[in-house]
């Protein structure tokens, strides 16, 4: 049989490459990452979770596959890119994983345990890790060009949302069945260190980023700066941050009506102005905002921020650093 005939009989499968069977070898443990994981996940963090009342009490009792073992398995699968549970079980038996010494368990036992461990247990652990990471992040040095900006704001964060895909089980799926989505997640990180600040999750995969507007505004400290994409573009949210003395930086949405209140400066490659948005709307933006237009190559990029505090050059720099990657 010729290669062309074989190709016709076995056409190339289409689909999301993230959902294809993994064939890669697991990565080796990186000492620096392992050390940081040990610092962020101390054994004392696991102990109180064993005594959760209610439905979790039975699941958290001492056993071979207790919480420290399950956390080590999950973390190793993620950061070492282990292809599946079978490979993780093999590594656990032959080498041990993180703080767990060599341990022999069955794939079936691990699979069953994975299905029973409550997700909220990992949420509690994550909250503790985020608190520790925040304290550690304060001691980290940033590049010299960002020092002045860091000094002017109590915090500089980046927030971005993403729609998740549901985990697909290893079974035959009919061609008519469409892939399912697994909800939406919103991640907030510290701009200069990339360390996570907080995250939110909703099962509604069709929700808009704006559902987290109030939570994000409440979380951001006074005199803090948040960098977001156009998913957060909302007059109400801009006014909320302005009145709370909190700062934002985002891209300007094309087609938004506005009138120029004051031109601060302009040239062949930039324009810096104070504007009032929503001229023809019943609910216009109450407070003026600052619009900076910058020419990169042959394209004009427009960035929107609070009408005070952020200087032109610094605003452009942060836009290049934190927002252009969201295009």
C-alpha atoms as a PDB file:
ATOM      1  CA  UNK A   1       0.000   0.000   0.000  1.00  0.00           C
ATOM      2  CA  UNK A   2       1.381   3.400  -0.972  1.00  0.00           C
ATOM      3  CA  UNK A   3       1.894   6.262   1.491  1.00  0.00           C
ATOM      4  CA  UNK A   4      -0.871   8.275  -0.216  1.00  0.00           C
ATOM      5  CA  UNK A   5      -3.344   5.420   0.240  1.00  0.00           C
ATOM      6  CA  UNK A   6      -2.352   5.068   3.897  1.00  0.00           C
ATOM      7  CA  UNK A   7      -2.811   8.811   4.402  1.00  0.00           C
ATOM      8  CA  UNK A   8      -6.340   8.617   2.992  1.00  0.00           C
ATOM      9  CA  UNK A   9      -7.234   5.768   5.326  1.00  0.00           C
ATOM     10  CA  UNK A  10      -5.713   7.468   8.369  1.00  0.00           C
ATOM     11  CA  UNK A  11      -6.280  11.221   7.989  1.00  0.00           C
ATOM     12  CA  UNK A  12      -4.513  13.547  10.394  1.00  0.00           C
ATOM     13  CA  UNK A  13      -6.614  14.241  13.450  1.00  0.00           C
ATOM     14  CA  UNK A  14      -7.624  17.785  14.164  1.00  0.00           C
ATOM     15  CA  UNK A  15      -8.196  19.310  17.557  1.00  0.00           C
ATOM     16  CA  UNK A  16      -6.693  21.193  20.414  1.00  0.00           C
ATOM     17  CA  UNK A  17      -2.982  20.249  20.713  1.00  0.00           C
ATOM     18  CA  UNK A  18      -3.227  20.720  24.488  1.00  0.00           C
ATOM     19  CA  UNK A  19      -5.571  17.725  24.642  1.00  0.00           C
ATOM     20  CA  UNK A  20      -3.457  15.304  22.625  1.00  0.00           C
ATOM     21  CA  UNK A  21      -1.755  12.357  24.284  1.00  0.00           C
ATOM     22  CA  UNK A  22       1.516  13.398  25.911  1.00  0.00           C
ATOM     23  CA  UNK A  23       4.666  11.617  24.798  1.00  0.00           C
ATOM     24  CA  UNK A  24       7.271  13.792  26.497  1.00  0.00           C
ATOM     25  CA  UNK A  25       9.614  12.581  29.201  1.00  0.00           C
ATOM     26  CA  UNK A  26       9.166  14.117  32.671  1.00  0.00           C
ATOM     27  CA  UNK A  27      11.480  16.996  33.439  1.00  0.00           C
ATOM     28  CA  UNK A  28      14.164  16.702  36.077  1.00  0.00           C
ATOM     29  CA  UNK A  29      13.785  18.359  39.450  1.00  0.00           C
ATOM     30  CA  UNK A  30      15.200  21.879  39.426  1.00  0.00           C
ATOM     31  CA  UNK A  31      16.931  22.593  42.764  1.00  0.00           C
ATOM     32  CA  UNK A  32      15.908  26.267  42.815  1.00  0.00           C
ATOM     33  CA  UNK A  33      12.220  25.467  42.240  1.00  0.00           C
ATOM     34  CA  UNK A  34      12.286  22.578  44.700  1.00  0.00           C
ATOM     35  CA  UNK A  35      13.827  24.798  47.364  1.00  0.00           C
ATOM     36  CA  UNK A  36      11.168  27.476  46.877  1.00  0.00           C
ATOM     37  CA  UNK A  37       8.368  24.907  47.012  1.00  0.00           C
ATOM     38  CA  UNK A  38       9.736  23.647  50.328  1.00  0.00           C
ATOM     39  CA  UNK A  39       9.818  27.222  51.666  1.00  0.00           C
ATOM     40  CA  UNK A  40       6.274  28.025  50.562  1.00  0.00           C
ATOM     41  CA  UNK A  41       4.721  24.691  51.572  1.00  0.00           C
ATOM     42  CA  UNK A  42       5.918  23.915  55.069  1.00  0.00           C
ATOM     43  CA  UNK A  43       4.674  20.696  56.731  1.00  0.00           C
ATOM     44  CA  UNK A  44       2.832  22.797  59.335  1.00  0.00           C
ATOM     45  CA  UNK A  45       0.464  23.997  56.596  1.00  0.00           C
ATOM     46  CA  UNK A  46      -0.892  20.474  56.064  1.00  0.00           C
ATOM     47  CA  UNK A  47      -1.603  19.576  59.695  1.00  0.00           C
ATOM     48  CA  UNK A  48      -4.674  21.794  60.379  1.00  0.00           C
ATOM     49  CA  UNK A  49      -6.378  20.576  57.187  1.00  0.00           C
ATOM     50  CA  UNK A  50      -6.580  17.030  58.558  1.00  0.00           C
ATOM     51  CA  UNK A  51      -9.055  18.206  61.170  1.00  0.00           C
ATOM     52  CA  UNK A  52     -11.604  19.819  58.866  1.00  0.00           C
ATOM     53  CA  UNK A  53     -15.083  18.901  60.039  1.00  0.00           C
ATOM     54  CA  UNK A  54     -18.004  17.584  58.027  1.00  0.00           C
ATOM     55  CA  UNK A  55     -17.679  15.652  54.801  1.00  0.00           C
ATOM     56  CA  UNK A  56     -13.900  16.128  54.585  1.00  0.00           C
ATOM     57  CA  UNK A  57     -13.081  14.533  57.954  1.00  0.00           C
ATOM     58  CA  UNK A  58     -12.987  10.989  56.572  1.00  0.00           C
ATOM     59  CA  UNK A  59     -11.061  11.988  53.471  1.00  0.00           C
ATOM     60  CA  UNK A  60      -8.356  13.827  55.416  1.00  0.00           C
ATOM     61  CA  UNK A  61      -7.544  11.123  57.948  1.00  0.00           C
ATOM     62  CA  UNK A  62      -4.022   9.646  58.019  1.00  0.00           C
ATOM     63  CA  UNK A  63      -3.419   7.072  55.288  1.00  0.00           C
ATOM     64  CA  UNK A  64      -0.788   6.190  52.715  1.00  0.00           C
ATOM     65  CA  UNK A  65      -2.121   8.713  50.204  1.00  0.00           C
ATOM     66  CA  UNK A  66      -2.531  11.523  52.708  1.00  0.00           C
ATOM     67  CA  UNK A  67      -2.609  15.230  51.871  1.00  0.00           C
ATOM     68  CA  UNK A  68       1.200  15.833  51.778  1.00  0.00           C
ATOM     69  CA  UNK A  69       1.568  12.931  49.329  1.00  0.00           C
ATOM     70  CA  UNK A  70      -1.274  14.152  47.111  1.00  0.00           C
ATOM     71  CA  UNK A  71       0.081  17.713  47.041  1.00  0.00           C
ATOM     72  CA  UNK A  72       3.534  16.409  46.097  1.00  0.00           C
ATOM     73  CA  UNK A  73       1.973  14.371  43.277  1.00  0.00           C
ATOM     74  CA  UNK A  74      -0.072  17.267  41.880  1.00  0.00           C
ATOM     75  CA  UNK A  75       2.800  19.765  42.057  1.00  0.00           C
ATOM     76  CA  UNK A  76       5.228  17.335  40.434  1.00  0.00           C
ATOM     77  CA  UNK A  77       2.807  16.530  37.601  1.00  0.00           C
ATOM     78  CA  UNK A  78       2.454  20.238  36.856  1.00  0.00           C
ATOM     79  CA  UNK A  79       5.977  21.604  37.191  1.00  0.00           C
ATOM     80  CA  UNK A  80       7.845  18.545  35.870  1.00  0.00           C
ATOM     81  CA  UNK A  81       5.322  18.054  33.033  1.00  0.00           C
ATOM     82  CA  UNK A  82       4.713  14.408  33.935  1.00  0.00           C
ATOM     83  CA  UNK A  83       2.593  12.836  31.193  1.00  0.00           C
ATOM     84  CA  UNK A  84       0.096  11.047  33.425  1.00  0.00           C
ATOM     85  CA  UNK A  85      -0.657   9.220  36.651  1.00  0.00           C
ATOM     86  CA  UNK A  86       1.130   6.027  35.569  1.00  0.00           C
ATOM     87  CA  UNK A  87       4.399   7.902  35.110  1.00  0.00           C
ATOM     88  CA  UNK A  88       3.893   9.839  38.350  1.00  0.00           C
ATOM     89  CA  UNK A  89       3.341   6.589  40.265  1.00  0.00           C
ATOM     90  CA  UNK A  90       6.524   5.120  38.741  1.00  0.00           C
ATOM     91  CA  UNK A  91       8.583   8.173  39.754  1.00  0.00           C
ATOM     92  CA  UNK A  92       7.088   8.135  43.237  1.00  0.00           C
ATOM     93  CA  UNK A  93       8.162   4.506  43.694  1.00  0.00           C
ATOM     94  CA  UNK A  94      11.623   4.800  42.135  1.00  0.00           C
ATOM     95  CA  UNK A  95      12.730   8.304  43.181  1.00  0.00           C
ATOM     96  CA  UNK A  96      10.192   9.855  45.515  1.00  0.00           C
ATOM     97  CA  UNK A  97       8.631  13.251  44.803  1.00  0.00           C
ATOM     98  CA  UNK A  98       9.547  16.471  46.606  1.00  0.00           C
ATOM     99  CA  UNK A  99       9.168  15.887  50.372  1.00  0.00           C
ATOM    100  CA  UNK A 100       7.782  12.349  49.921  1.00  0.00           C
ATOM    101  CA  UNK A 101      10.312   9.514  50.060  1.00  0.00           C
ATOM    102  CA  UNK A 102      10.088   6.494  47.754  1.00  0.00           C
ATOM    103  CA  UNK A 103       6.587   5.062  48.111  1.00  0.00           C
ATOM    104  CA  UNK A 104       4.840   2.177  46.341  1.00  0.00           C
ATOM    105  CA  UNK A 105       1.180   2.782  45.491  1.00  0.00           C
ATOM    106  CA  UNK A 106      -1.125   1.640  42.709  1.00  0.00           C
ATOM    107  CA  UNK A 107      -2.347   3.763  39.827  1.00  0.00           C
ATOM    108  CA  UNK A 108      -5.948   2.851  40.689  1.00  0.00           C
ATOM    109  CA  UNK A 109      -5.536   4.080  44.269  1.00  0.00           C
ATOM    110  CA  UNK A 110      -4.063   7.405  43.129  1.00  0.00           C
ATOM    111  CA  UNK A 111      -6.810   7.879  40.515  1.00  0.00           C
ATOM    112  CA  UNK A 112      -9.536   7.233  43.073  1.00  0.00           C
ATOM    113  CA  UNK A 113      -7.895   9.554  45.583  1.00  0.00           C
ATOM    114  CA  UNK A 114      -7.577  12.306  42.966  1.00  0.00           C
ATOM    115  CA  UNK A 115     -11.334  12.170  42.433  1.00  0.00           C
ATOM    116  CA  UNK A 116     -12.095  12.391  46.164  1.00  0.00           C
ATOM    117  CA  UNK A 117      -9.754  15.092  47.459  1.00  0.00           C
ATOM    118  CA  UNK A 118     -11.857  18.287  47.761  1.00  0.00           C
ATOM    119  CA  UNK A 119     -10.712  21.132  45.524  1.00  0.00           C
ATOM    120  CA  UNK A 120     -11.246  23.585  48.391  1.00  0.00           C
ATOM    121  CA  UNK A 121      -8.393  21.918  50.292  1.00  0.00           C
ATOM    122  CA  UNK A 122      -6.022  23.030  47.543  1.00  0.00           C
ATOM    123  CA  UNK A 123      -7.668  26.465  47.584  1.00  0.00           C
ATOM    124  CA  UNK A 124      -6.827  26.815  51.284  1.00  0.00           C
ATOM    125  CA  UNK A 125      -3.223  25.777  50.632  1.00  0.00           C
ATOM    126  CA  UNK A 126      -2.987  28.201  47.724  1.00  0.00           C
ATOM    127  CA  UNK A 127      -4.209  31.050  49.915  1.00  0.00           C
ATOM    128  CA  UNK A 128      -1.435  30.336  52.412  1.00  0.00           C
ATOM    129  CA  UNK A 129       1.153  30.148  49.624  1.00  0.00           C
ATOM    130  CA  UNK A 130      -0.003  33.488  48.181  1.00  0.00           C
ATOM    131  CA  UNK A 131       0.349  35.161  51.580  1.00  0.00           C
ATOM    132  CA  UNK A 132       3.900  33.852  51.956  1.00  0.00           C
ATOM    133  CA  UNK A 133       4.787  34.780  48.385  1.00  0.00           C
ATOM    134  CA  UNK A 134       3.519  38.323  48.960  1.00  0.00           C
ATOM    135  CA  UNK A 135       5.826  38.776  51.952  1.00  0.00           C
ATOM    136  CA  UNK A 136       8.751  37.321  50.050  1.00  0.00           C
ATOM    137  CA  UNK A 137       8.025  39.508  47.017  1.00  0.00           C
ATOM    138  CA  UNK A 138       8.445  42.700  49.058  1.00  0.00           C
ATOM    139  CA  UNK A 139      12.123  41.860  49.563  1.00  0.00           C
ATOM    140  CA  UNK A 140      12.883  41.239  45.891  1.00  0.00           C
ATOM    141  CA  UNK A 141      14.764  43.829  43.879  1.00  0.00           C
ATOM    142  CA  UNK A 142      13.371  45.141  40.605  1.00  0.00           C
ATOM    143  CA  UNK A 143      15.134  46.644  37.619  1.00  0.00           C
ATOM    144  CA  UNK A 144      16.519  50.133  38.056  1.00  0.00           C
ATOM    145  CA  UNK A 145      14.163  51.598  35.431  1.00  0.00           C
ATOM    146  CA  UNK A 146      11.141  50.406  37.457  1.00  0.00           C
ATOM    147  CA  UNK A 147      12.305  51.521  40.902  1.00  0.00           C
ATOM    148  CA  UNK A 148      10.833  55.027  40.655  1.00  0.00           C
ATOM    149  CA  UNK A 149       7.466  53.686  39.545  1.00  0.00           C
ATOM    150  CA  UNK A 150       7.452  51.124  42.351  1.00  0.00           C
ATOM    151  CA  UNK A 151       8.179  53.877  44.868  1.00  0.00           C
ATOM    152  CA  UNK A 152       5.251  56.023  43.684  1.00  0.00           C
ATOM    153  CA  UNK A 153       2.594  53.320  44.072  1.00  0.00           C
ATOM    154  CA  UNK A 154       1.709  51.122  47.019  1.00  0.00           C
ATOM    155  CA  UNK A 155       1.292  48.219  44.557  1.00  0.00           C
ATOM    156  CA  UNK A 156       1.624  47.619  40.814  1.00  0.00           C
ATOM    157  CA  UNK A 157      -0.446  44.643  39.679  1.00  0.00           C
ATOM    158  CA  UNK A 158      -1.464  42.979  36.405  1.00  0.00           C
ATOM    159  CA  UNK A 159      -4.850  41.237  36.120  1.00  0.00           C
ATOM    160  CA  UNK A 160      -5.936  38.974  33.270  1.00  0.00           C
ATOM    161  CA  UNK A 161      -8.728  36.463  32.765  1.00  0.00           C
ATOM    162  CA  UNK A 162      -8.733  33.203  30.829  1.00  0.00           C
ATOM    163  CA  UNK A 163     -11.360  30.647  29.825  1.00  0.00           C
ATOM    164  CA  UNK A 164     -10.393  27.120  30.854  1.00  0.00           C
ATOM    165  CA  UNK A 165     -11.017  23.884  28.994  1.00  0.00           C
ATOM    166  CA  UNK A 166     -12.558  20.987  30.818  1.00  0.00           C
ATOM    167  CA  UNK A 167     -10.260  18.041  31.504  1.00  0.00           C
ATOM    168  CA  UNK A 168     -10.969  15.406  28.882  1.00  0.00           C
ATOM    169  CA  UNK A 169     -11.116  11.784  29.996  1.00  0.00           C
ATOM    170  CA  UNK A 170      -9.278   9.121  27.990  1.00  0.00           C
ATOM    171  CA  UNK A 171     -12.277   7.706  26.144  1.00  0.00           C
ATOM    172  CA  UNK A 172     -13.775   7.748  22.675  1.00  0.00           C
ATOM    173  CA  UNK A 173     -15.803  10.890  22.028  1.00  0.00           C
ATOM    174  CA  UNK A 174     -18.300  11.173  19.220  1.00  0.00           C
ATOM    175  CA  UNK A 175     -17.404  13.537  16.419  1.00  0.00           C
ATOM    176  CA  UNK A 176     -20.639  15.439  17.011  1.00  0.00           C
ATOM    177  CA  UNK A 177     -19.752  16.245  20.623  1.00  0.00           C
ATOM    178  CA  UNK A 178     -18.189  19.642  21.009  1.00  0.00           C
ATOM    179  CA  UNK A 179     -15.387  20.314  23.468  1.00  0.00           C
ATOM    180  CA  UNK A 180     -16.630  21.619  26.798  1.00  0.00           C
ATOM    181  CA  UNK A 181     -15.263  24.599  28.663  1.00  0.00           C
ATOM    182  CA  UNK A 182     -14.203  24.405  32.285  1.00  0.00           C
ATOM    183  CA  UNK A 183     -15.119  27.841  33.589  1.00  0.00           C
ATOM    184  CA  UNK A 184     -13.165  31.056  33.801  1.00  0.00           C
ATOM    185  CA  UNK A 185     -10.250  32.136  35.978  1.00  0.00           C
ATOM    186  CA  UNK A 186      -8.945  35.589  36.857  1.00  0.00           C
ATOM    187  CA  UNK A 187      -5.296  35.868  37.926  1.00  0.00           C
ATOM    188  CA  UNK A 188      -3.676  38.891  39.564  1.00  0.00           C
ATOM    189  CA  UNK A 189       0.127  39.082  39.743  1.00  0.00           C
ATOM    190  CA  UNK A 190       2.692  41.600  40.963  1.00  0.00           C
ATOM    191  CA  UNK A 191       3.944  43.407  37.860  1.00  0.00           C
ATOM    192  CA  UNK A 192       7.686  43.397  38.501  1.00  0.00           C
ATOM    193  CA  UNK A 193       8.204  40.007  40.164  1.00  0.00           C
ATOM    194  CA  UNK A 194       5.332  38.119  38.445  1.00  0.00           C
ATOM    195  CA  UNK A 195       4.410  36.674  41.829  1.00  0.00           C
ATOM    196  CA  UNK A 196       0.697  35.814  42.216  1.00  0.00           C
ATOM    197  CA  UNK A 197      -1.417  38.116  44.378  1.00  0.00           C
ATOM    198  CA  UNK A 198      -4.785  36.377  44.183  1.00  0.00           C
ATOM    199  CA  UNK A 199      -7.085  34.532  41.819  1.00  0.00           C
ATOM    200  CA  UNK A 200     -10.812  34.026  41.340  1.00  0.00           C
ATOM    201  CA  UNK A 201     -12.750  31.304  39.570  1.00  0.00           C
ATOM    202  CA  UNK A 202     -16.265  30.878  38.207  1.00  0.00           C
ATOM    203  CA  UNK A 203     -17.849  27.833  36.586  1.00  0.00           C
ATOM    204  CA  UNK A 204     -19.644  30.117  34.119  1.00  0.00           C
ATOM    205  CA  UNK A 205     -17.326  30.065  31.097  1.00  0.00           C
ATOM    206  CA  UNK A 206     -19.405  32.751  29.360  1.00  0.00           C
ATOM    207  CA  UNK A 207     -18.930  35.310  32.124  1.00  0.00           C
ATOM    208  CA  UNK A 208     -17.219  38.622  31.449  1.00  0.00           C
ATOM    209  CA  UNK A 209     -14.105  39.891  33.220  1.00  0.00           C
ATOM    210  CA  UNK A 210     -16.254  42.683  34.631  1.00  0.00           C
ATOM    211  CA  UNK A 211     -17.806  40.300  37.178  1.00  0.00           C
ATOM    212  CA  UNK A 212     -14.590  40.727  39.183  1.00  0.00           C
ATOM    213  CA  UNK A 213     -14.481  44.537  38.936  1.00  0.00           C
ATOM    214  CA  UNK A 214     -15.693  45.204  42.471  1.00  0.00           C
ATOM    215  CA  UNK A 215     -13.519  42.480  44.011  1.00  0.00           C
ATOM    216  CA  UNK A 216     -10.443  43.734  42.193  1.00  0.00           C
ATOM    217  CA  UNK A 217     -11.135  47.350  43.179  1.00  0.00           C
ATOM    218  CA  UNK A 218     -11.559  46.291  46.815  1.00  0.00           C
ATOM    219  CA  UNK A 219      -8.391  44.151  46.771  1.00  0.00           C
ATOM    220  CA  UNK A 220      -6.166  46.858  45.263  1.00  0.00           C
ATOM    221  CA  UNK A 221      -4.719  49.020  48.072  1.00  0.00           C
ATOM    222  CA  UNK A 222      -5.133  52.780  48.076  1.00  0.00           C
ATOM    223  CA  UNK A 223      -2.563  54.457  45.822  1.00  0.00           C
ATOM    224  CA  UNK A 224      -2.106  51.150  43.976  1.00  0.00           C
ATOM    225  CA  UNK A 225      -1.912  50.761  40.186  1.00  0.00           C
ATOM    226  CA  UNK A 226      -3.630  47.961  38.249  1.00  0.00           C
ATOM    227  CA  UNK A 227      -2.841  47.059  34.611  1.00  0.00           C
ATOM    228  CA  UNK A 228      -5.696  45.361  32.759  1.00  0.00           C
ATOM    229  CA  UNK A 229      -6.824  44.621  29.215  1.00  0.00           C
ATOM    230  CA  UNK A 230     -10.043  45.853  27.613  1.00  0.00           C
ATOM    231  CA  UNK A 231     -12.132  43.185  29.322  1.00  0.00           C
ATOM    232  CA  UNK A 232     -12.358  45.618  32.238  1.00  0.00           C
ATOM    233  CA  UNK A 233     -13.264  48.648  30.121  1.00  0.00           C
ATOM    234  CA  UNK A 234     -16.142  50.178  32.098  1.00  0.00           C
ATOM    235  CA  UNK A 235     -16.992  53.787  32.954  1.00  0.00           C
ATOM    236  CA  UNK A 236     -18.451  52.686  36.293  1.00  0.00           C
ATOM    237  CA  UNK A 237     -15.244  50.852  37.206  1.00  0.00           C
ATOM    238  CA  UNK A 238     -13.026  53.770  36.186  1.00  0.00           C
ATOM    239  CA  UNK A 239     -15.098  56.088  38.390  1.00  0.00           C
ATOM    240  CA  UNK A 240     -14.991  53.607  41.281  1.00  0.00           C
ATOM    241  CA  UNK A 241     -11.182  53.465  41.197  1.00  0.00           C
ATOM    242  CA  UNK A 242     -10.854  57.229  40.786  1.00  0.00           C
ATOM    243  CA  UNK A 243     -13.035  57.951  43.814  1.00  0.00           C
ATOM    244  CA  UNK A 244     -11.125  55.375  45.887  1.00  0.00           C
ATOM    245  CA  UNK A 245      -7.780  56.999  44.965  1.00  0.00           C
ATOM    246  CA  UNK A 246      -6.651  53.915  43.093  1.00  0.00           C
ATOM    247  CA  UNK A 247      -5.013  53.968  39.677  1.00  0.00           C
ATOM    248  CA  UNK A 248      -5.501  51.977  36.487  1.00  0.00           C
ATOM    249  CA  UNK A 249      -3.851  51.567  33.099  1.00  0.00           C
ATOM    250  CA  UNK A 250      -5.531  49.889  30.138  1.00  0.00           C
ATOM    251  CA  UNK A 251      -5.866  50.144  26.379  1.00  0.00           C
ATOM    252  CA  UNK A 252      -8.357  52.564  24.907  1.00  0.00           C
ATOM    253  CA  UNK A 253     -11.353  50.950  23.228  1.00  0.00           C
ATOM    254  CA  UNK A 254     -11.736  52.073  19.623  1.00  0.00           C
ATOM    255  CA  UNK A 255     -14.990  53.849  18.869  1.00  0.00           C
ATOM    256  CA  UNK A 256     -15.455  55.236  22.377  1.00  0.00           C
ATOM    257  CA  UNK A 257     -16.789  58.776  22.136  1.00  0.00           C
ATOM    258  CA  UNK A 258     -14.895  61.463  24.014  1.00  0.00           C
ATOM    259  CA  UNK A 259     -13.978  65.115  23.949  1.00  0.00           C
ATOM    260  CA  UNK A 260     -10.571  66.551  24.710  1.00  0.00           C
ATOM    261  CA  UNK A 261     -10.461  68.701  27.818  1.00  0.00           C
ATOM    262  CA  UNK A 262      -6.757  69.563  27.688  1.00  0.00           C
ATOM    263  CA  UNK A 263      -3.761  68.637  25.534  1.00  0.00           C
ATOM    264  CA  UNK A 264      -0.750  68.278  27.828  1.00  0.00           C
ATOM    265  CA  UNK A 265       1.820  67.699  25.097  1.00  0.00           C
ATOM    266  CA  UNK A 266       2.102  66.234  21.614  1.00  0.00           C
ATOM    267  CA  UNK A 267       4.596  65.443  18.891  1.00  0.00           C
ATOM    268  CA  UNK A 268       4.977  63.413  15.730  1.00  0.00           C
ATOM    269  CA  UNK A 269       5.045  60.122  17.667  1.00  0.00           C
ATOM    270  CA  UNK A 270       2.850  60.799  20.711  1.00  0.00           C
ATOM    271  CA  UNK A 271      -0.082  62.754  22.094  1.00  0.00           C
ATOM    272  CA  UNK A 272      -0.871  63.229  25.782  1.00  0.00           C
ATOM    273  CA  UNK A 273      -4.291  64.618  26.710  1.00  0.00           C
ATOM    274  CA  UNK A 274      -7.012  64.783  29.346  1.00  0.00           C
ATOM    275  CA  UNK A 275     -10.364  63.573  28.013  1.00  0.00           C
ATOM    276  CA  UNK A 276     -13.977  63.107  29.094  1.00  0.00           C
ATOM    277  CA  UNK A 277     -15.569  59.884  27.813  1.00  0.00           C
ATOM    278  CA  UNK A 278     -19.148  59.008  26.922  1.00  0.00           C
ATOM    279  CA  UNK A 279     -20.347  62.221  25.310  1.00  0.00           C
ATOM    280  CA  UNK A 280     -23.472  60.691  23.787  1.00  0.00           C
ATOM    281  CA  UNK A 281     -24.347  58.265  26.560  1.00  0.00           C
ATOM    282  CA  UNK A 282     -26.851  58.616  29.379  1.00  0.00           C
ATOM    283  CA  UNK A 283     -24.229  57.350  31.854  1.00  0.00           C
ATOM    284  CA  UNK A 284     -20.934  58.998  30.823  1.00  0.00           C
ATOM    285  CA  UNK A 285     -17.691  58.632  32.736  1.00  0.00           C
ATOM    286  CA  UNK A 286     -18.000  61.083  35.650  1.00  0.00           C
ATOM    287  CA  UNK A 287     -14.300  61.784  36.040  1.00  0.00           C
ATOM    288  CA  UNK A 288     -11.794  62.874  33.373  1.00  0.00           C
ATOM    289  CA  UNK A 289      -9.124  60.364  32.372  1.00  0.00           C
ATOM    290  CA  UNK A 290      -5.756  60.574  30.675  1.00  0.00           C
ATOM    291  CA  UNK A 291      -5.257  59.289  27.139  1.00  0.00           C
ATOM    292  CA  UNK A 292      -1.736  58.723  25.824  1.00  0.00           C
ATOM    293  CA  UNK A 293      -1.305  57.813  22.157  1.00  0.00           C
ATOM    294  CA  UNK A 294       2.060  56.385  21.069  1.00  0.00           C
ATOM    295  CA  UNK A 295       3.277  55.531  17.570  1.00  0.00           C
ATOM    296  CA  UNK A 296       5.107  52.163  17.468  1.00  0.00           C
ATOM    297  CA  UNK A 297       6.291  51.504  13.923  1.00  0.00           C
ATOM    298  CA  UNK A 298       3.285  52.318  11.759  1.00  0.00           C
ATOM    299  CA  UNK A 299       0.574  51.678  14.373  1.00  0.00           C
ATOM    300  CA  UNK A 300      -0.810  54.057  16.975  1.00  0.00           C
ATOM    301  CA  UNK A 301      -1.431  52.503  20.393  1.00  0.00           C
ATOM    302  CA  UNK A 302      -3.656  54.288  22.883  1.00  0.00           C
ATOM    303  CA  UNK A 303      -3.440  53.843  26.642  1.00  0.00           C
ATOM    304  CA  UNK A 304      -5.941  55.052  29.199  1.00  0.00           C
ATOM    305  CA  UNK A 305      -5.218  55.928  32.810  1.00  0.00           C
ATOM    306  CA  UNK A 306      -6.117  58.217  35.657  1.00  0.00           C
ATOM    307  CA  UNK A 307      -5.877  61.911  34.838  1.00  0.00           C
ATOM    308  CA  UNK A 308      -3.131  62.480  37.384  1.00  0.00           C
ATOM    309  CA  UNK A 309      -0.112  60.800  38.956  1.00  0.00           C
ATOM    310  CA  UNK A 310       1.150  58.809  35.932  1.00  0.00           C
ATOM    311  CA  UNK A 311       3.556  60.730  33.779  1.00  0.00           C
ATOM    312  CA  UNK A 312       3.634  60.307  30.025  1.00  0.00           C
ATOM    313  CA  UNK A 313       6.879  58.370  29.634  1.00  0.00           C
ATOM    314  CA  UNK A 314       6.191  56.108  32.562  1.00  0.00           C
ATOM    315  CA  UNK A 315       2.731  55.310  31.308  1.00  0.00           C
ATOM    316  CA  UNK A 316       4.069  54.344  27.891  1.00  0.00           C
ATOM    317  CA  UNK A 317       6.727  52.173  29.486  1.00  0.00           C
ATOM    318  CA  UNK A 318       4.244  50.281  31.634  1.00  0.00           C
ATOM    319  CA  UNK A 319       1.958  49.852  28.666  1.00  0.00           C
ATOM    320  CA  UNK A 320       4.737  48.259  26.665  1.00  0.00           C
ATOM    321  CA  UNK A 321       5.685  46.079  29.647  1.00  0.00           C
ATOM    322  CA  UNK A 322       2.287  44.892  30.759  1.00  0.00           C
ATOM    323  CA  UNK A 323      -0.415  45.449  28.172  1.00  0.00           C
ATOM    324  CA  UNK A 324       0.891  44.846  24.667  1.00  0.00           C
ATOM    325  CA  UNK A 325       1.257  41.156  25.395  1.00  0.00           C
ATOM    326  CA  UNK A 326      -2.539  40.923  25.825  1.00  0.00           C
ATOM    327  CA  UNK A 327      -3.215  41.824  22.196  1.00  0.00           C
END
